Every structure is written in structure tokens, then in C-alpha cells.
Amino acid sequence: MADVAERAGVSRTLVSFILDGKPGASEETRQRVLAIAREIGYRPDSAARLLAQGRSRTLGVMTDVRQLFQAELVTEIYPAAEHLGYEVLLSANLPDRTEGAVVDSLLSHRCGALILLGPNEEPAFFRELATRAPVVVACRRLPGLDADTPLATVRTNDAKGIRQAVDYLVGLGHRRIHHVDGGTDPGSADRSRAYKSAMRAHGLADEITVIPGAHNEEAGAAAARAMLAEPSLPTAVLAGNDRCALGILDVFTRAGIAVPEQVSLVGYDDSRLSENPRIDLTTIHQDAPQIARNTVELAVQMLVDGAPRTSDVVLEPTLIVRGTTAAPRG
């Protein structure tokens, strides 16, 4: 930048303003400075810019260590960050540790930007946080994102994924399809709404049944026991995520209910465990490598440039058919 300023006969501050697109120079001076910058091959030094802003080349990542899919995201985040020359610092989101405490811990270690995996806080929390550092929220939809605020989301189209699952089950001949939701967990509300909408679209409004749950095995097991206590079972169950589906599968199997012969079962996430031959779970696939790469790239881009290039990155889901689904008997 000093070389450009010397050759153009202007101050380094003015060169900085011009290269950052700020006002303060005549059009003639701006064009001369830009031409000289192109001629000598000037490129902005992102590391120096971050240093001047008091930020580091470390990305802080909040994760729930109990969630299998988030573990897969972390596995992919590390190489994506290293490829761009950034370090990763993890902090765990635990039942007795608030998300605010996790964020404060990451910021106290001078993390330049934050990647939050499946957070539960209200939207206002993230907007306030974005005034302190760029924030990327993964696997959750946030309403009313502002393109001028360093806050972005990377997620799968949950509604489309659920519709794919319901369409597939109905196509097999199922009508009594129950949904075990994720309670207050991220994505749960969108998935429940999509289930109800898809059932209505197939003329199955009278068959809509949502069983309260959560994105863990214990909630799935409790939902399965509730279904077993009813006079009759559904022919198919759509779980809020794979962990919930595993809890359902365990209780049904122990009770002698054959899956899929008596009840078909579908999960959501396509975590590594779902493809285990002993489980072989039909599920909705979320692309962990793509989610990870997009979160890292957005975090770095906002760290360097400020506003995000896009506020909401939405990836496509894919139905993965395995051994826990089949046509209903009779």
C-alpha cells in the first residue's frame, strides 16, 4: 500500500480509503490509484487487516458433544479451516453450561469469528453477538437476517427433507404415519410444520399425530413406549433425528415389534451410526462436508470483509433408503 501511495503521489490513508471503496478522493485520483495498484499487482493482506482490527486467525466453534451429527461437522470444519490458514478452538455446549458462557469463553481466547452448531438461543442473542464478532449459525434457520450484519446461517432445507420422507412413506402405502418431534431443539419446529403440511397435501390430515420428543435416544425411547401403550401402532414413524430414531428402534425391538415388517422407521441427519449394518436406518441425509465448508468460508469472508456475501446458505437434503422401511402389511 505504501508503494501505491508513493507512485500515486498521495497519502497511504487515501490509498486505504480508495482500495476499501470509501469516499474521500476525486474520481481522477481514484482511477489513478486503482490503475497503479493493478500495475504493481497489489493484493490486500488479510492477515494484516485482521491484526489491525485486533482479531485473530482462530475460529471459535461451539458444539454439543452428545450430538453425532455435530461431531461429524467438527471433523469436517478442521480441514476446511486449515485449508484457509485458520485455527479452530472448540468449546462444548453442555446442559449445565449456557450458550452465553460458551461464547464468552471463545471470545476471551480472542477468536476472530464464531461458528455455532445447532444453538438454541433466541434470534436476538445472535444479533447482539454479531456486534462483537462475525457469527455463522449452522443447522438452524433464523428469520429476518440483515445483509449488513456479520451474521449468517448455513442449513439444510429441513422442510423439503421431511416432505421427501412423507412422500416416500405414502408412496409405499403408509397412511398412519406418526412424527416424534424434537421439542425445543434446533430445526424441530420447521420439521414438525413440514410433516403436518405434507400429510395434509396427501389428504391425511386426520392421521396427523405429533408425539413430543427431543433429539436424543431417551426421548425416542419414551415416544416408543407411549406408542406401545396405545390400542394400535402406526405403520410408520418419522423421527426428529437419527438419535431419536435409535431410541425408538431399541424399544420396539425389545418389545418384539419387527422393523420394518410391523412399523417402518425414518430418521433425519444420516449420521455415521445410521449406516451401521445392524441399524441400517432409512434417513434424510444432510451433507456434513458441505455444511462445514460453507460455515468456515462464510466465517472467514465476514472476518475479512465485514458483511456476509449471502446471509442464508440452504443446502439440499437427500432421502437415503435403507432397511428400516417397507410397504405396510395388508
Protein backbone atom coordinates (compact mmCIF):
# COMPACT_ATOMS: atom_id res chain seq x y z
CA MET A 1 0.00 0.00 0.00
CA ALA A 2 2.94 2.31 0.72
CA ASP A 3 4.33 1.61 -2.78
CA VAL A 4 0.98 2.50 -4.36
CA ALA A 5 0.81 5.73 -2.33
CA GLU A 6 4.36 6.74 -3.31
CA ARG A 7 3.81 6.16 -7.03
CA ALA A 8 0.44 7.91 -7.00
CA GLY A 9 1.74 10.86 -5.00
CA VAL A 10 -0.97 10.59 -2.35
CA SER A 11 -1.12 9.57 1.30
CA ARG A 12 -1.29 5.95 2.39
CA THR A 13 -4.53 6.76 4.22
CA LEU A 14 -6.13 7.95 0.99
CA VAL A 15 -4.96 4.78 -0.79
CA SER A 16 -6.54 2.74 2.00
CA PHE A 17 -9.83 4.60 1.60
CA ILE A 18 -9.84 4.09 -2.17
CA LEU A 19 -8.99 0.39 -2.01
CA ASP A 20 -11.67 -0.15 0.64
CA GLY A 21 -14.24 1.66 -1.54
CA LYS A 22 -14.68 4.55 0.90
CA PRO A 23 -15.37 8.15 -0.21
CA GLY A 24 -12.78 10.90 0.12
CA ALA A 25 -10.98 11.01 -3.23
CA SER A 26 -11.79 12.54 -6.60
CA GLU A 27 -12.70 10.18 -9.42
CA GLU A 28 -9.46 11.02 -11.24
CA THR A 29 -7.35 10.18 -8.17
CA ARG A 30 -9.34 7.02 -7.51
CA GLN A 31 -8.82 5.74 -11.05
CA ARG A 32 -5.07 6.59 -10.91
CA VAL A 33 -4.60 4.73 -7.61
CA LEU A 34 -6.55 1.68 -8.82
CA ALA A 35 -4.52 1.59 -12.06
CA ILE A 36 -1.23 1.70 -10.16
CA ALA A 37 -2.44 -1.00 -7.76
CA ARG A 38 -3.28 -3.25 -10.72
CA GLU A 39 0.03 -2.47 -12.41
CA ILE A 40 2.19 -3.48 -9.45
CA GLY A 41 -0.04 -6.44 -8.54
CA TYR A 42 -1.22 -5.14 -5.16
CA ARG A 43 -3.37 -7.55 -3.14
CA PRO A 44 -4.89 -6.76 0.29
CA ASP A 45 -3.12 -8.51 3.17
CA SER A 46 -5.99 -10.16 5.05
CA ALA A 47 -3.79 -11.20 7.96
CA ALA A 48 -2.55 -7.63 8.43
CA ARG A 49 -6.08 -6.29 8.23
CA LEU A 50 -7.25 -8.71 10.91
CA LEU A 51 -4.28 -7.82 13.09
CA ALA A 52 -5.14 -4.13 12.76
CA GLN A 53 -8.70 -4.92 13.82
CA GLY A 54 -7.42 -6.79 16.89
CA ARG A 55 -8.75 -10.13 15.66
CA SER A 56 -7.00 -13.47 15.34
CA ARG A 57 -6.93 -16.21 12.73
CA THR A 58 -8.79 -18.53 15.08
CA LEU A 59 -12.38 -19.64 14.54
CA GLY A 60 -14.31 -20.41 17.71
CA VAL A 61 -16.69 -23.36 17.37
CA MET A 62 -19.48 -24.20 19.80
CA THR A 63 -20.63 -27.82 19.63
CA ASP A 64 -22.83 -30.23 21.57
CA VAL A 65 -20.54 -33.22 22.09
CA ARG A 66 -23.56 -35.51 22.54
CA GLN A 67 -24.89 -34.91 19.03
CA LEU A 68 -23.44 -37.35 16.49
CA PHE A 69 -24.06 -35.11 13.50
CA GLN A 70 -22.32 -32.17 15.14
CA ALA A 71 -19.28 -34.38 15.75
CA GLU A 72 -19.20 -35.05 12.01
CA LEU A 73 -19.40 -31.32 11.33
CA VAL A 74 -16.43 -30.65 13.64
CA THR A 75 -14.44 -33.35 11.85
CA GLU A 76 -15.01 -31.50 8.57
CA ILE A 77 -14.54 -27.98 9.98
CA TYR A 78 -10.90 -28.58 10.94
CA PRO A 79 -9.55 -29.34 7.44
CA ALA A 80 -11.75 -26.62 5.90
CA ALA A 81 -10.27 -24.04 8.31
CA GLU A 82 -6.70 -25.28 7.89
CA HIS A 83 -7.06 -25.05 4.12
CA LEU A 84 -7.73 -21.31 4.52
CA GLY A 85 -4.95 -20.84 7.07
CA TYR A 86 -7.11 -20.67 10.19
CA GLU A 87 -7.03 -22.45 13.53
CA VAL A 88 -10.06 -23.91 15.32
CA LEU A 89 -10.89 -23.61 19.02
CA LEU A 90 -13.72 -25.80 20.36
CA SER A 91 -15.97 -25.15 23.33
CA ALA A 92 -18.66 -27.59 24.45
CA ASN A 93 -22.32 -26.75 24.88
CA LEU A 94 -23.47 -28.77 27.92
CA PRO A 95 -26.72 -28.94 29.92
CA ASP A 96 -25.22 -27.01 32.85
CA ARG A 97 -23.32 -24.52 30.69
CA THR A 98 -25.19 -21.74 28.94
CA GLU A 99 -24.52 -20.83 25.32
CA GLY A 100 -23.65 -17.34 26.54
CA ALA A 101 -20.89 -18.81 28.73
CA VAL A 102 -19.57 -20.82 25.76
CA VAL A 103 -19.48 -17.72 23.58
CA ASP A 104 -17.77 -15.62 26.25
CA SER A 105 -15.13 -18.30 26.66
CA LEU A 106 -14.40 -18.37 22.93
CA LEU A 107 -14.23 -14.59 22.67
CA SER A 108 -11.96 -14.40 25.72
CA HIS A 109 -9.48 -16.51 23.75
CA ARG A 110 -9.57 -13.85 21.00
CA CYS A 111 -11.41 -15.93 18.41
CA GLY A 112 -11.92 -13.79 15.33
CA ALA A 113 -15.25 -15.30 14.30
CA LEU A 114 -17.71 -17.77 15.79
CA ILE A 115 -19.35 -20.89 14.32
CA LEU A 116 -22.28 -22.10 16.41
CA LEU A 117 -23.52 -25.62 15.71
CA GLY A 118 -27.22 -26.12 16.37
CA PRO A 119 -27.65 -23.38 19.01
CA ASN A 120 -30.90 -22.92 20.93
CA GLU A 121 -30.85 -19.23 21.88
CA GLU A 122 -33.41 -16.68 20.67
CA PRO A 123 -32.61 -14.71 17.46
CA ALA A 124 -31.89 -11.53 19.47
CA PHE A 125 -28.98 -13.31 21.13
CA PHE A 126 -27.24 -13.87 17.79
CA ARG A 127 -27.88 -10.34 16.57
CA GLU A 128 -26.29 -8.90 19.70
CA LEU A 129 -23.41 -11.35 19.43
CA ALA A 130 -22.76 -10.25 15.84
CA THR A 131 -21.89 -6.79 17.17
CA ARG A 132 -18.93 -8.41 18.94
CA ALA A 133 -17.70 -10.79 16.23
CA PRO A 134 -18.87 -12.34 12.93
CA VAL A 135 -21.22 -15.26 13.60
CA VAL A 136 -22.25 -18.24 11.49
CA VAL A 137 -25.10 -20.38 12.81
CA ALA A 138 -25.16 -23.92 11.40
CA CYS A 139 -28.19 -26.21 11.09
CA ARG A 140 -30.80 -23.69 12.11
CA ARG A 141 -32.99 -21.15 10.32
CA LEU A 142 -33.00 -17.58 11.63
CA PRO A 143 -35.73 -15.16 10.47
CA GLY A 144 -35.06 -11.61 9.36
CA LEU A 145 -31.34 -11.76 8.62
CA ASP A 146 -29.77 -8.43 7.68
CA ALA A 147 -27.28 -8.43 4.80
CA ASP A 148 -25.33 -5.61 6.50
CA THR A 149 -24.84 -7.55 9.76
CA PRO A 150 -21.99 -10.10 10.11
CA LEU A 151 -24.46 -12.89 10.92
CA ALA A 152 -25.25 -15.76 8.56
CA THR A 153 -26.75 -19.25 8.59
CA VAL A 154 -25.84 -22.48 6.82
CA ARG A 155 -28.51 -25.15 6.89
CA THR A 156 -30.29 -27.94 5.11
CA ASN A 157 -33.79 -27.37 3.74
CA ASP A 158 -35.48 -29.22 6.62
CA ALA A 159 -38.98 -28.75 5.25
CA LYS A 160 -38.03 -30.32 1.94
CA GLY A 161 -36.32 -33.23 3.68
CA ILE A 162 -39.39 -34.02 5.74
CA ARG A 163 -41.62 -33.76 2.67
CA GLN A 164 -39.37 -36.26 0.90
CA ALA A 165 -39.76 -38.69 3.81
CA VAL A 166 -43.55 -38.35 3.98
CA ASP A 167 -43.89 -38.62 0.17
CA TYR A 168 -41.79 -41.78 0.22
CA LEU A 169 -43.77 -43.41 3.04
CA VAL A 170 -47.09 -42.54 1.42
CA GLY A 171 -45.76 -43.93 -1.84
CA LEU A 172 -45.11 -47.23 -0.08
CA GLY A 173 -48.74 -47.27 1.02
CA HIS A 174 -48.49 -45.88 4.55
CA ARG A 175 -51.25 -43.68 5.92
CA ARG A 176 -50.85 -43.91 9.73
CA ILE A 177 -47.57 -42.03 9.92
CA HIS A 178 -46.61 -40.58 13.31
CA HIS A 179 -43.97 -37.92 13.89
CA VAL A 180 -41.81 -37.74 17.02
CA ASP A 181 -40.69 -34.13 17.15
CA GLY A 182 -37.53 -32.58 18.56
CA GLY A 183 -39.17 -30.43 21.23
CA THR A 184 -37.28 -27.15 21.52
CA ASP A 185 -34.20 -28.46 19.71
CA PRO A 186 -32.97 -26.59 16.60
CA GLY A 187 -34.92 -27.38 13.44
CA SER A 188 -37.71 -29.15 15.31
CA ALA A 189 -40.42 -26.57 14.63
CA ASP A 190 -39.66 -26.47 10.90
CA ARG A 191 -39.69 -30.27 10.67
CA SER A 192 -42.98 -30.58 12.55
CA ARG A 193 -44.66 -27.96 10.36
CA ALA A 194 -43.37 -29.71 7.25
CA TYR A 195 -44.72 -33.07 8.47
CA LYS A 196 -48.18 -31.64 9.03
CA SER A 197 -48.16 -29.82 5.71
CA ALA A 198 -47.04 -32.93 3.81
CA MET A 199 -49.69 -35.08 5.47
CA ARG A 200 -52.39 -32.58 4.55
CA ALA A 201 -51.10 -32.45 0.98
CA HIS A 202 -51.68 -36.20 0.75
CA GLY A 203 -55.20 -35.92 2.19
CA LEU A 204 -54.10 -37.41 5.51
CA ALA A 205 -54.98 -34.55 7.86
CA ASP A 206 -56.97 -36.93 10.09
CA GLU A 207 -53.89 -39.13 10.52
CA ILE A 208 -51.59 -36.36 11.76
CA THR A 209 -50.06 -37.33 15.10
CA VAL A 210 -47.14 -35.49 16.67
CA ILE A 211 -45.56 -37.07 19.74
CA PRO A 212 -43.47 -34.67 21.88
CA GLY A 213 -39.81 -35.60 21.94
CA ALA A 214 -36.27 -34.32 21.62
CA HIS A 215 -33.21 -35.04 19.50
CA ASN A 216 -31.88 -37.84 21.69
CA GLU A 217 -32.31 -41.55 22.35
CA GLU A 218 -34.13 -41.09 25.65
CA ALA A 219 -36.89 -39.05 24.01
CA GLY A 220 -37.20 -41.62 21.23
CA ALA A 221 -37.49 -44.43 23.76
CA ALA A 222 -40.19 -42.55 25.71
CA ALA A 223 -42.13 -41.92 22.48
CA ALA A 224 -41.91 -45.60 21.55
CA ARG A 225 -43.25 -46.63 24.95
CA ALA A 226 -46.12 -44.15 24.53
CA MET A 227 -46.98 -45.68 21.14
CA LEU A 228 -46.85 -49.20 22.59
CA ALA A 229 -49.37 -48.14 25.27
CA GLU A 230 -51.92 -47.19 22.61
CA PRO A 231 -54.53 -49.71 21.28
CA SER A 232 -52.72 -49.88 17.93
CA LEU A 233 -49.39 -48.87 16.44
CA PRO A 234 -48.85 -46.60 13.44
CA THR A 235 -47.49 -48.30 10.33
CA ALA A 236 -44.65 -45.76 10.08
CA VAL A 237 -42.80 -43.35 12.36
CA LEU A 238 -40.84 -40.29 11.27
CA ALA A 239 -38.34 -39.36 13.99
CA GLY A 240 -36.98 -35.86 14.60
CA ASN A 241 -33.41 -37.05 14.05
CA ASP A 242 -31.33 -40.23 13.94
CA ARG A 243 -30.65 -40.34 17.69
CA CYS A 244 -34.38 -40.18 18.38
CA ALA A 245 -34.93 -42.93 15.80
CA LEU A 246 -32.34 -45.14 17.54
CA GLY A 247 -34.25 -44.82 20.83
CA ILE A 248 -37.48 -45.81 19.07
CA LEU A 249 -35.80 -48.74 17.33
CA ASP A 250 -34.34 -50.05 20.58
CA VAL A 251 -37.66 -50.05 22.48
CA PHE A 252 -39.62 -51.52 19.58
CA THR A 253 -37.06 -54.29 19.09
CA ARG A 254 -37.02 -55.19 22.79
CA ALA A 255 -40.85 -55.27 22.75
CA GLY A 256 -40.84 -57.72 19.84
CA ILE A 257 -42.06 -55.21 17.26
CA ALA A 258 -40.41 -56.01 13.94
CA VAL A 259 -38.97 -53.06 11.99
CA PRO A 260 -39.89 -52.63 9.15
CA GLU A 261 -42.32 -55.57 8.97
CA GLN A 262 -44.69 -54.07 11.54
CA VAL A 263 -43.54 -50.44 11.72
CA SER A 264 -41.37 -48.55 9.27
CA LEU A 265 -38.93 -46.03 10.76
CA VAL A 266 -37.26 -42.95 9.27
CA GLY A 267 -34.63 -40.71 10.89
CA TYR A 268 -33.06 -37.38 9.99
CA ASP A 269 -29.35 -36.42 9.60
CA ASP A 270 -27.78 -39.59 8.14
CA SER A 271 -25.20 -39.67 10.92
CA ARG A 272 -22.47 -42.31 10.62
CA LEU A 273 -24.21 -44.67 13.02
CA SER A 274 -27.31 -44.85 10.82
CA GLU A 275 -25.43 -46.74 8.10
CA ASN A 276 -24.16 -49.40 10.52
CA PRO A 277 -25.37 -52.76 9.12
CA ARG A 278 -27.00 -53.63 12.45
CA ILE A 279 -29.06 -50.41 12.31
CA ASP A 280 -29.41 -49.73 8.57
CA LEU A 281 -31.66 -46.71 9.14
CA THR A 282 -33.62 -45.03 6.38
CA THR A 283 -32.98 -41.32 6.92
CA ILE A 284 -32.70 -37.84 5.42
CA HIS A 285 -29.10 -37.04 4.52
CA GLN A 286 -27.52 -33.73 5.49
CA ASP A 287 -24.22 -33.04 3.74
CA ALA A 288 -21.80 -32.54 6.66
CA PRO A 289 -18.74 -31.69 4.50
CA GLN A 290 -20.71 -29.07 2.55
CA ILE A 291 -22.19 -27.53 5.68
CA ALA A 292 -18.75 -27.39 7.29
CA ARG A 293 -17.04 -25.84 4.27
CA ASN A 294 -19.74 -23.21 3.86
CA THR A 295 -19.68 -22.24 7.54
CA VAL A 296 -15.90 -21.85 7.53
CA GLU A 297 -15.82 -19.92 4.26
CA LEU A 298 -18.58 -17.57 5.43
CA ALA A 299 -16.89 -17.00 8.79
CA VAL A 300 -13.57 -16.16 7.14
CA GLN A 301 -15.21 -13.98 4.49
CA MET A 302 -17.08 -11.95 7.13
CA LEU A 303 -13.97 -11.73 9.27
CA VAL A 304 -12.10 -10.11 6.40
CA ASP A 305 -14.85 -8.15 4.62
CA GLY A 306 -17.50 -7.46 7.26
CA ALA A 307 -20.93 -8.15 5.77
CA PRO A 308 -21.63 -11.68 4.50
CA ARG A 309 -21.73 -12.39 0.76
CA THR A 310 -25.00 -14.18 1.50
CA SER A 311 -26.96 -14.35 4.75
CA ASP A 312 -28.57 -17.77 4.37
CA VAL A 313 -26.97 -20.76 2.64
CA VAL A 314 -29.55 -23.51 2.14
CA LEU A 315 -28.38 -26.97 1.05
CA GLU A 316 -30.49 -29.73 -0.46
CA PRO A 317 -31.45 -32.83 1.58
CA THR A 318 -31.44 -36.36 0.16
CA LEU A 319 -33.58 -39.34 1.17
CA ILE A 320 -31.39 -42.38 1.92
CA VAL A 321 -33.42 -45.59 1.78
CA ARG A 322 -32.11 -48.46 3.90
CA GLY A 323 -33.58 -51.41 5.76
CA THR A 324 -35.96 -49.83 8.27
CA THR A 325 -38.72 -49.03 5.79
CA ALA A 326 -41.03 -51.21 3.70
CA ALA A 327 -44.60 -51.30 2.47
CA PRO A 328 -47.17 -51.83 5.26
CA ARG A 329 -48.61 -55.28 5.76
CA GLY A 330 -52.04 -55.88 4.28
